[in-house]
Amino acid sequence: MSANERVAACQFEPTIGDVAGNLEALERTLDGLPSSVAVAVFPELCVTGYDLDVAQDRATPVPGELTDRLVSIIADHDVTVVAGVPERDGEQLYNSLVVVDGDGVRDTYRKQHLWGDEADVFATGDGPQTVETRLGTVGLALCYDLNFPEVGLDYAREGCDVLAVSAAWRTSYEADWRLLLRARALDGPYYVVGANHAGDQRGRDHAGRSLVVDPTGTVLSEVTEGDGHAVVTVEPERIEAGRDRNPVQESRGWT
């Protein structure tokens, strides 16, 4: 892990079906980030907007059309981006996160726990996925995955330094969002970065409240409403201190 590297939880209001417009919004966000940001986390299905019909229609392979367009944007920025896309793999569709930098797609994570009607559209992902970055080891999760402590524990077992959570979390569950992000941080202990949609999309009122939590469960930075980003320096010493304070990995015999 490099010193003084920063992570960003990026929040905006995608437009349903407007891939070009959503990518422009993503690029504007990248343009506004401090140069020290190593990893920028964006919301679930943010490239297409959160709509299951549109996701089915616009899904492409990974790598493919959607990720090619992401790579072309990121090529001008020294940052690794985590963003939500609908993925097509043969006859199967997945609600996926892609990890992309200027060289291409680094990794893909497929949502393990599908919410409501998502299960009628998407196949289920088959486990945790980590990626090595300048921040250290980053784990990947999507929205409803956050409700499952076993997901957090899987990533603790994988030795993650940061858990990146992308979501389309609604206002009616806003209190759960904040609570669960903090709880998963204590599962690690590790940093948790939660990137959520802002605004209303076809009747889904999203909570925003993108934030970064440290390994003690303390919220360090938070976006409230509208477009914005929460930026935090990921400090190895803070991870060590969190694990000394809450030695759950040692108690489980993982260290």
C-alpha atoms as a PDB file:
ATOM      1  CA  MET A   1       0.000   0.000   0.000  1.00  0.00           C
ATOM      2  CA  SER A   2       1.365   3.400  -0.966  1.00  0.00           C
ATOM      3  CA  ALA A   3       1.300   6.256   1.540  1.00  0.00           C
ATOM      4  CA  ASN A   4      -1.086   9.202   1.194  1.00  0.00           C
ATOM      5  CA  GLU A   5      -3.282   7.569  -1.437  1.00  0.00           C
ATOM      6  CA  ARG A   6      -6.934   8.572  -1.336  1.00  0.00           C
ATOM      7  CA  VAL A   7     -10.246   6.934  -2.134  1.00  0.00           C
ATOM      8  CA  ALA A   8     -13.422   8.648  -3.335  1.00  0.00           C
ATOM      9  CA  ALA A   9     -17.077   7.679  -2.956  1.00  0.00           C
ATOM     10  CA  CYS A  10     -18.664   9.315  -6.007  1.00  0.00           C
ATOM     11  CA  GLN A  11     -22.339  10.223  -6.186  1.00  0.00           C
ATOM     12  CA  PHE A  12     -24.488  11.495  -9.038  1.00  0.00           C
ATOM     13  CA  GLU A  13     -27.970  11.072 -10.504  1.00  0.00           C
ATOM     14  CA  PRO A  14     -27.822   8.887 -13.623  1.00  0.00           C
ATOM     15  CA  THR A  15     -30.408   9.271 -16.359  1.00  0.00           C
ATOM     16  CA  ILE A  16     -32.201   6.055 -17.278  1.00  0.00           C
ATOM     17  CA  GLY A  17     -30.926   4.740 -20.616  1.00  0.00           C
ATOM     18  CA  ASP A  18     -28.649   7.718 -21.361  1.00  0.00           C
ATOM     19  CA  VAL A  19     -25.285   5.958 -21.446  1.00  0.00           C
ATOM     20  CA  ALA A  20     -23.503   8.876 -23.116  1.00  0.00           C
ATOM     21  CA  GLY A  21     -24.883  11.366 -20.604  1.00  0.00           C
ATOM     22  CA  ASN A  22     -24.049   9.140 -17.651  1.00  0.00           C
ATOM     23  CA  LEU A  23     -20.491   8.655 -18.863  1.00  0.00           C
ATOM     24  CA  GLU A  24     -20.168  12.421 -19.263  1.00  0.00           C
ATOM     25  CA  ALA A  25     -21.336  12.832 -15.655  1.00  0.00           C
ATOM     26  CA  LEU A  26     -18.807  10.226 -14.537  1.00  0.00           C
ATOM     27  CA  GLU A  27     -16.067  12.057 -16.424  1.00  0.00           C
ATOM     28  CA  ARG A  28     -17.038  15.408 -14.850  1.00  0.00           C
ATOM     29  CA  THR A  29     -16.761  13.776 -11.443  1.00  0.00           C
ATOM     30  CA  LEU A  30     -13.291  12.435 -12.262  1.00  0.00           C
ATOM     31  CA  ASP A  31     -12.246  15.883 -13.476  1.00  0.00           C
ATOM     32  CA  GLY A  32     -13.258  17.327 -10.108  1.00  0.00           C
ATOM     33  CA  LEU A  33     -11.383  14.822  -7.942  1.00  0.00           C
ATOM     34  CA  PRO A  34      -8.071  15.635  -6.272  1.00  0.00           C
ATOM     35  CA  SER A  35      -5.109  14.215  -8.186  1.00  0.00           C
ATOM     36  CA  SER A  36      -4.192  12.092  -5.158  1.00  0.00           C
ATOM     37  CA  VAL A  37      -7.306   9.889  -5.545  1.00  0.00           C
ATOM     38  CA  ALA A  38      -6.131   6.391  -6.470  1.00  0.00           C
ATOM     39  CA  VAL A  39      -9.542   4.652  -6.536  1.00  0.00           C
ATOM     40  CA  ALA A  40     -12.934   6.222  -7.342  1.00  0.00           C
ATOM     41  CA  VAL A  41     -16.060   4.211  -6.560  1.00  0.00           C
ATOM     42  CA  PHE A  42     -19.301   4.917  -8.467  1.00  0.00           C
ATOM     43  CA  PRO A  43     -22.866   3.620  -7.919  1.00  0.00           C
ATOM     44  CA  GLU A  44     -24.602   0.428  -9.003  1.00  0.00           C
ATOM     45  CA  LEU A  45     -25.678   0.303 -12.689  1.00  0.00           C
ATOM     46  CA  CYS A  46     -24.630   3.935 -12.951  1.00  0.00           C
ATOM     47  CA  VAL A  47     -23.635   3.661 -16.619  1.00  0.00           C
ATOM     48  CA  THR A  48     -27.201   2.795 -17.711  1.00  0.00           C
ATOM     49  CA  GLY A  49     -29.218   4.034 -14.745  1.00  0.00           C
ATOM     50  CA  TYR A  50     -31.030   1.681 -12.382  1.00  0.00           C
ATOM     51  CA  ASP A  51     -33.855   0.201 -14.456  1.00  0.00           C
ATOM     52  CA  LEU A  52     -34.141  -3.540 -15.050  1.00  0.00           C
ATOM     53  CA  ASP A  53     -35.664  -3.279 -18.536  1.00  0.00           C
ATOM     54  CA  VAL A  54     -32.926  -0.906 -19.652  1.00  0.00           C
ATOM     55  CA  ALA A  55     -30.282  -3.090 -18.032  1.00  0.00           C
ATOM     56  CA  GLN A  56     -31.473  -6.068 -20.088  1.00  0.00           C
ATOM     57  CA  ASP A  57     -31.500  -4.027 -23.259  1.00  0.00           C
ATOM     58  CA  ARG A  58     -28.120  -2.318 -22.788  1.00  0.00           C
ATOM     59  CA  ALA A  59     -26.093  -5.152 -21.249  1.00  0.00           C
ATOM     60  CA  THR A  60     -22.850  -5.986 -23.060  1.00  0.00           C
ATOM     61  CA  PRO A  61     -19.999  -8.442 -22.488  1.00  0.00           C
ATOM     62  CA  VAL A  62     -17.087  -7.427 -20.267  1.00  0.00           C
ATOM     63  CA  PRO A  63     -14.824  -6.308 -21.841  1.00  0.00           C
ATOM     64  CA  GLY A  64     -17.230  -4.859 -24.393  1.00  0.00           C
ATOM     65  CA  GLU A  65     -18.905  -1.696 -25.596  1.00  0.00           C
ATOM     66  CA  LEU A  66     -19.721  -0.212 -22.182  1.00  0.00           C
ATOM     67  CA  THR A  67     -16.321  -0.896 -20.653  1.00  0.00           C
ATOM     68  CA  ASP A  68     -14.501   0.250 -23.800  1.00  0.00           C
ATOM     69  CA  ARG A  69     -16.172   3.628 -23.389  1.00  0.00           C
ATOM     70  CA  LEU A  70     -15.218   3.724 -19.720  1.00  0.00           C
ATOM     71  CA  VAL A  71     -11.591   2.915 -20.513  1.00  0.00           C
ATOM     72  CA  SER A  72     -11.417   5.726 -23.076  1.00  0.00           C
ATOM     73  CA  ILE A  73     -12.592   8.220 -20.431  1.00  0.00           C
ATOM     74  CA  ILE A  74     -10.300   6.956 -17.690  1.00  0.00           C
ATOM     75  CA  ALA A  75      -7.240   6.924 -19.961  1.00  0.00           C
ATOM     76  CA  ASP A  76      -6.784  10.638 -19.232  1.00  0.00           C
ATOM     77  CA  HIS A  77      -6.885  10.136 -15.453  1.00  0.00           C
ATOM     78  CA  ASP A  78      -4.401   8.384 -13.175  1.00  0.00           C
ATOM     79  CA  VAL A  79      -7.135   6.579 -11.264  1.00  0.00           C
ATOM     80  CA  THR A  80      -8.762   3.178 -10.957  1.00  0.00           C
ATOM     81  CA  VAL A  81     -12.546   3.325 -11.301  1.00  0.00           C
ATOM     82  CA  VAL A  82     -15.116   0.945  -9.812  1.00  0.00           C
ATOM     83  CA  ALA A  83     -18.465   1.328 -11.599  1.00  0.00           C
ATOM     84  CA  GLY A  84     -21.724  -0.567 -12.019  1.00  0.00           C
ATOM     85  CA  VAL A  85     -22.717  -1.996 -15.414  1.00  0.00           C
ATOM     86  CA  PRO A  86     -25.141  -4.644 -16.683  1.00  0.00           C
ATOM     87  CA  GLU A  87     -23.050  -7.529 -18.007  1.00  0.00           C
ATOM     88  CA  ARG A  88     -24.054 -10.078 -20.653  1.00  0.00           C
ATOM     89  CA  ASP A  89     -22.262 -13.427 -20.660  1.00  0.00           C
ATOM     90  CA  GLY A  90     -23.862 -15.673 -23.273  1.00  0.00           C
ATOM     91  CA  GLU A  91     -27.471 -16.183 -22.219  1.00  0.00           C
ATOM     92  CA  GLN A  92     -26.848 -14.910 -18.688  1.00  0.00           C
ATOM     93  CA  LEU A  93     -27.123 -11.350 -17.422  1.00  0.00           C
ATOM     94  CA  TYR A  94     -25.337 -10.071 -14.321  1.00  0.00           C
ATOM     95  CA  ASN A  95     -25.532  -6.968 -12.182  1.00  0.00           C
ATOM     96  CA  SER A  96     -21.808  -6.312 -12.173  1.00  0.00           C
ATOM     97  CA  LEU A  97     -19.068  -4.047 -10.946  1.00  0.00           C
ATOM     98  CA  VAL A  98     -16.104  -3.476 -13.217  1.00  0.00           C
ATOM     99  CA  VAL A  99     -12.703  -2.292 -12.089  1.00  0.00           C
ATOM    100  CA  VAL A 100     -11.223  -0.213 -14.902  1.00  0.00           C
ATOM    101  CA  ASP A 101      -8.136   1.880 -15.487  1.00  0.00           C
ATOM    102  CA  GLY A 102      -6.532   3.392 -18.569  1.00  0.00           C
ATOM    103  CA  ASP A 103      -5.126  -0.008 -19.561  1.00  0.00           C
ATOM    104  CA  GLY A 104      -8.516  -1.732 -19.609  1.00  0.00           C
ATOM    105  CA  VAL A 105     -10.718  -3.884 -17.375  1.00  0.00           C
ATOM    106  CA  ARG A 106      -8.821  -5.098 -14.320  1.00  0.00           C
ATOM    107  CA  ASP A 107     -11.558  -7.215 -12.752  1.00  0.00           C
ATOM    108  CA  THR A 108     -15.289  -7.914 -12.596  1.00  0.00           C
ATOM    109  CA  TYR A 109     -17.562  -8.672  -9.656  1.00  0.00           C
ATOM    110  CA  ARG A 110     -21.069 -10.094 -10.049  1.00  0.00           C
ATOM    111  CA  LYS A 111     -23.680  -9.294  -7.396  1.00  0.00           C
ATOM    112  CA  GLN A 112     -24.177 -12.238  -5.065  1.00  0.00           C
ATOM    113  CA  HIS A 113     -27.445 -11.249  -3.375  1.00  0.00           C
ATOM    114  CA  LEU A 114     -30.192 -10.040  -5.702  1.00  0.00           C
ATOM    115  CA  TRP A 115     -32.922  -7.719  -4.437  1.00  0.00           C
ATOM    116  CA  GLY A 116     -36.581  -8.253  -5.358  1.00  0.00           C
ATOM    117  CA  ASP A 117     -37.245  -8.330  -9.101  1.00  0.00           C
ATOM    118  CA  GLU A 118     -33.509  -8.383  -9.852  1.00  0.00           C
ATOM    119  CA  ALA A 119     -33.682 -12.151  -9.444  1.00  0.00           C
ATOM    120  CA  ASP A 120     -36.031 -12.312 -12.459  1.00  0.00           C
ATOM    121  CA  VAL A 121     -33.402 -10.622 -14.635  1.00  0.00           C
ATOM    122  CA  PHE A 122     -29.929 -11.366 -13.324  1.00  0.00           C
ATOM    123  CA  ALA A 123     -28.036 -14.537 -12.535  1.00  0.00           C
ATOM    124  CA  THR A 124     -26.282 -14.762  -9.174  1.00  0.00           C
ATOM    125  CA  GLY A 125     -22.574 -14.117  -8.784  1.00  0.00           C
ATOM    126  CA  ASP A 126     -20.526 -16.885  -7.238  1.00  0.00           C
ATOM    127  CA  GLY A 127     -18.375 -15.259  -4.594  1.00  0.00           C
ATOM    128  CA  PRO A 128     -16.075 -12.470  -3.430  1.00  0.00           C
ATOM    129  CA  GLN A 129     -13.696 -10.665  -5.768  1.00  0.00           C
ATOM    130  CA  THR A 130     -10.665  -8.595  -4.815  1.00  0.00           C
ATOM    131  CA  VAL A 131      -8.300  -6.395  -6.796  1.00  0.00           C
ATOM    132  CA  GLU A 132      -4.856  -5.050  -5.952  1.00  0.00           C
ATOM    133  CA  THR A 133      -4.583  -1.254  -6.150  1.00  0.00           C
ATOM    134  CA  ARG A 134      -2.343   1.541  -4.884  1.00  0.00           C
ATOM    135  CA  LEU A 135      -4.618   1.610  -1.829  1.00  0.00           C
ATOM    136  CA  GLY A 136      -3.953  -2.053  -1.108  1.00  0.00           C
ATOM    137  CA  THR A 137      -6.400  -4.926  -1.497  1.00  0.00           C
ATOM    138  CA  VAL A 138      -9.899  -3.750  -2.427  1.00  0.00           C
ATOM    139  CA  GLY A 139     -12.981  -5.978  -2.135  1.00  0.00           C
ATOM    140  CA  LEU A 140     -16.139  -5.435  -4.173  1.00  0.00           C
ATOM    141  CA  ALA A 141     -19.822  -5.570  -3.183  1.00  0.00           C
ATOM    142  CA  LEU A 142     -23.152  -4.385  -4.570  1.00  0.00           C
ATOM    143  CA  CYS A 143     -26.055  -2.879  -2.647  1.00  0.00           C
ATOM    144  CA  TYR A 144     -28.047  -5.728  -1.029  1.00  0.00           C
ATOM    145  CA  ASP A 145     -24.790  -7.643  -0.493  1.00  0.00           C
ATOM    146  CA  LEU A 146     -24.260  -5.136   2.309  1.00  0.00           C
ATOM    147  CA  ASN A 147     -27.013  -6.785   4.379  1.00  0.00           C
ATOM    148  CA  PHE A 148     -25.062 -10.045   4.648  1.00  0.00           C
ATOM    149  CA  PRO A 149     -22.336 -10.145   7.318  1.00  0.00           C
ATOM    150  CA  GLU A 150     -20.861 -13.212   5.643  1.00  0.00           C
ATOM    151  CA  VAL A 151     -19.918 -11.049   2.670  1.00  0.00           C
ATOM    152  CA  GLY A 152     -17.979  -8.727   4.954  1.00  0.00           C
ATOM    153  CA  LEU A 153     -16.346 -11.701   6.668  1.00  0.00           C
ATOM    154  CA  ASP A 154     -15.343 -13.231   3.331  1.00  0.00           C
ATOM    155  CA  TYR A 155     -13.486 -10.032   2.512  1.00  0.00           C
ATOM    156  CA  ALA A 156     -11.899  -9.885   5.966  1.00  0.00           C
ATOM    157  CA  ARG A 157     -10.629 -13.414   5.359  1.00  0.00           C
ATOM    158  CA  GLU A 158      -9.235 -12.253   2.005  1.00  0.00           C
ATOM    159  CA  GLY A 159      -7.156  -9.615   3.820  1.00  0.00           C
ATOM    160  CA  CYS A 160      -8.901  -6.581   2.344  1.00  0.00           C
ATOM    161  CA  ASP A 161      -7.818  -3.084   3.269  1.00  0.00           C
ATOM    162  CA  VAL A 162     -10.850  -1.421   1.649  1.00  0.00           C
ATOM    163  CA  LEU A 163     -14.352  -2.663   0.808  1.00  0.00           C
ATOM    164  CA  ALA A 164     -15.943  -0.805  -2.122  1.00  0.00           C
ATOM    165  CA  VAL A 165     -19.748  -0.903  -2.055  1.00  0.00           C
ATOM    166  CA  SER A 166     -21.772   0.428  -5.007  1.00  0.00           C
ATOM    167  CA  ALA A 167     -25.493   0.849  -4.538  1.00  0.00           C
ATOM    168  CA  ALA A 168     -28.849   2.144  -5.721  1.00  0.00           C
ATOM    169  CA  TRP A 169     -30.085   2.451  -2.136  1.00  0.00           C
ATOM    170  CA  ARG A 170     -33.499   3.989  -1.620  1.00  0.00           C
ATOM    171  CA  THR A 171     -34.447   6.716   0.839  1.00  0.00           C
ATOM    172  CA  SER A 172     -36.872   4.380   2.628  1.00  0.00           C
ATOM    173  CA  TYR A 173     -33.845   2.343   3.806  1.00  0.00           C
ATOM    174  CA  GLU A 174     -31.515   5.294   4.412  1.00  0.00           C
ATOM    175  CA  ALA A 175     -30.884   4.530   8.095  1.00  0.00           C
ATOM    176  CA  ASP A 176     -29.948   0.933   7.205  1.00  0.00           C
ATOM    177  CA  TRP A 177     -27.430   2.159   4.620  1.00  0.00           C
ATOM    178  CA  ARG A 178     -25.381   4.130   7.093  1.00  0.00           C
ATOM    179  CA  LEU A 179     -25.632   1.499   9.824  1.00  0.00           C
ATOM    180  CA  LEU A 180     -24.651  -1.409   7.572  1.00  0.00           C
ATOM    181  CA  LEU A 181     -21.661   0.396   6.045  1.00  0.00           C
ATOM    182  CA  ARG A 182     -20.354   1.050   9.548  1.00  0.00           C
ATOM    183  CA  ALA A 183     -21.045  -2.530  10.630  1.00  0.00           C
ATOM    184  CA  ARG A 184     -19.200  -4.007   7.659  1.00  0.00           C
ATOM    185  CA  ALA A 185     -16.212  -1.780   8.485  1.00  0.00           C
ATOM    186  CA  LEU A 186     -16.044  -3.497  11.869  1.00  0.00           C
ATOM    187  CA  ASP A 187     -16.264  -6.934  10.235  1.00  0.00           C
ATOM    188  CA  GLY A 188     -12.878  -6.295   8.630  1.00  0.00           C
ATOM    189  CA  PRO A 189     -11.788  -4.201  10.235  1.00  0.00           C
ATOM    190  CA  TYR A 190     -11.133  -2.196   7.077  1.00  0.00           C
ATOM    191  CA  TYR A 191     -12.204   0.969   5.320  1.00  0.00           C
ATOM    192  CA  VAL A 192     -15.619   0.878   3.647  1.00  0.00           C
ATOM    193  CA  VAL A 193     -16.476   3.153   0.734  1.00  0.00           C
ATOM    194  CA  GLY A 194     -20.182   3.413  -0.109  1.00  0.00           C
ATOM    195  CA  ALA A 195     -21.179   5.056  -3.415  1.00  0.00           C
ATOM    196  CA  ASN A 196     -24.908   5.565  -3.908  1.00  0.00           C
ATOM    197  CA  HIS A 197     -27.254   7.111  -6.481  1.00  0.00           C
ATOM    198  CA  ALA A 198     -28.711  10.541  -5.911  1.00  0.00           C
ATOM    199  CA  GLY A 199     -32.161  11.663  -7.028  1.00  0.00           C
ATOM    200  CA  ASP A 200     -35.252   9.993  -8.422  1.00  0.00           C
ATOM    201  CA  GLN A 201     -35.286   7.456 -11.232  1.00  0.00           C
ATOM    202  CA  ARG A 202     -38.724   6.342 -12.428  1.00  0.00           C
ATOM    203  CA  GLY A 203     -40.191   6.432  -8.945  1.00  0.00           C
ATOM    204  CA  ARG A 204     -37.132   5.141  -7.086  1.00  0.00           C
ATOM    205  CA  ASP A 205     -36.111   7.860  -4.644  1.00  0.00           C
ATOM    206  CA  HIS A 206     -32.447   7.264  -3.865  1.00  0.00           C
ATOM    207  CA  ALA A 207     -30.892   8.233  -0.551  1.00  0.00           C
ATOM    208  CA  GLY A 208     -27.533   9.574  -1.679  1.00  0.00           C
ATOM    209  CA  ARG A 209     -25.409   9.723   1.480  1.00  0.00           C
ATOM    210  CA  SER A 210     -22.294   8.318  -0.154  1.00  0.00           C
ATOM    211  CA  LEU A 211     -19.588   8.051   2.475  1.00  0.00           C
ATOM    212  CA  VAL A 212     -16.281   6.616   3.649  1.00  0.00           C
ATOM    213  CA  VAL A 213     -15.993   4.771   6.962  1.00  0.00           C
ATOM    214  CA  ASP A 214     -12.725   3.962   8.726  1.00  0.00           C
ATOM    215  CA  PRO A 215     -11.835   0.610  10.380  1.00  0.00           C
ATOM    216  CA  THR A 216     -13.330   1.743  13.707  1.00  0.00           C
ATOM    217  CA  GLY A 217     -16.724   2.370  12.121  1.00  0.00           C
ATOM    218  CA  THR A 218     -16.275   6.151  12.170  1.00  0.00           C
ATOM    219  CA  VAL A 219     -17.712   8.101   9.223  1.00  0.00           C
ATOM    220  CA  LEU A 220     -14.864  10.257   7.925  1.00  0.00           C
ATOM    221  CA  SER A 221     -16.505  11.974   4.950  1.00  0.00           C
ATOM    222  CA  GLU A 222     -20.032  12.038   3.540  1.00  0.00           C
ATOM    223  CA  VAL A 223     -21.995  13.492   0.636  1.00  0.00           C
ATOM    224  CA  THR A 224     -25.568  14.436   1.477  1.00  0.00           C
ATOM    225  CA  GLU A 225     -27.660  15.341  -1.572  1.00  0.00           C
ATOM    226  CA  GLY A 226     -26.982  15.796  -5.262  1.00  0.00           C
ATOM    227  CA  ASP A 227     -23.731  15.260  -7.121  1.00  0.00           C
ATOM    228  CA  GLY A 228     -20.534  15.121  -5.130  1.00  0.00           C
ATOM    229  CA  HIS A 229     -17.768  12.987  -3.711  1.00  0.00           C
ATOM    230  CA  ALA A 230     -16.407  12.004  -0.313  1.00  0.00           C
ATOM    231  CA  VAL A 231     -12.605  11.754  -0.342  1.00  0.00           C
ATOM    232  CA  VAL A 232     -10.444  10.172   2.373  1.00  0.00           C
ATOM    233  CA  THR A 233      -6.768   9.240   2.688  1.00  0.00           C
ATOM    234  CA  VAL A 234      -6.397   5.503   3.320  1.00  0.00           C
ATOM    235  CA  GLU A 235      -3.870   5.206   6.152  1.00  0.00           C
ATOM    236  CA  PRO A 236      -2.225   1.822   6.901  1.00  0.00           C
ATOM    237  CA  GLU A 237      -1.724   2.975  10.495  1.00  0.00           C
ATOM    238  CA  ARG A 238      -5.461   3.515  10.897  1.00  0.00           C
ATOM    239  CA  ILE A 239      -6.133  -0.032   9.654  1.00  0.00           C
ATOM    240  CA  GLU A 240      -3.615  -1.431  12.149  1.00  0.00           C
ATOM    241  CA  ALA A 241      -5.116   0.637  14.957  1.00  0.00           C
ATOM    242  CA  GLY A 242      -8.618  -0.551  14.063  1.00  0.00           C
ATOM    243  CA  ARG A 243      -7.492  -4.176  14.167  1.00  0.00           C
ATOM    244  CA  ASP A 244      -5.688  -3.687  17.477  1.00  0.00           C
ATOM    245  CA  ARG A 245      -8.797  -2.101  18.961  1.00  0.00           C
ATOM    246  CA  ASN A 246     -11.113  -4.779  17.569  1.00  0.00           C
ATOM    247  CA  PRO A 247      -8.996  -7.965  17.173  1.00  0.00           C
ATOM    248  CA  VAL A 248     -11.699 -10.119  15.560  1.00  0.00           C
ATOM    249  CA  GLN A 249      -9.337 -11.498  12.908  1.00  0.00           C
ATOM    250  CA  GLU A 250      -6.933 -12.695  15.583  1.00  0.00           C
ATOM    251  CA  SER A 251      -9.792 -14.146  17.650  1.00  0.00           C
ATOM    252  CA  ARG A 252     -10.961 -16.119  14.614  1.00  0.00           C
ATOM    253  CA  GLY A 253      -7.442 -17.443  14.069  1.00  0.00           C
ATOM    254  CA  TRP A 254      -7.044 -15.662  10.711  1.00  0.00           C
ATOM    255  CA  THR A 255      -3.809 -13.895  11.698  1.00  0.00           C
END
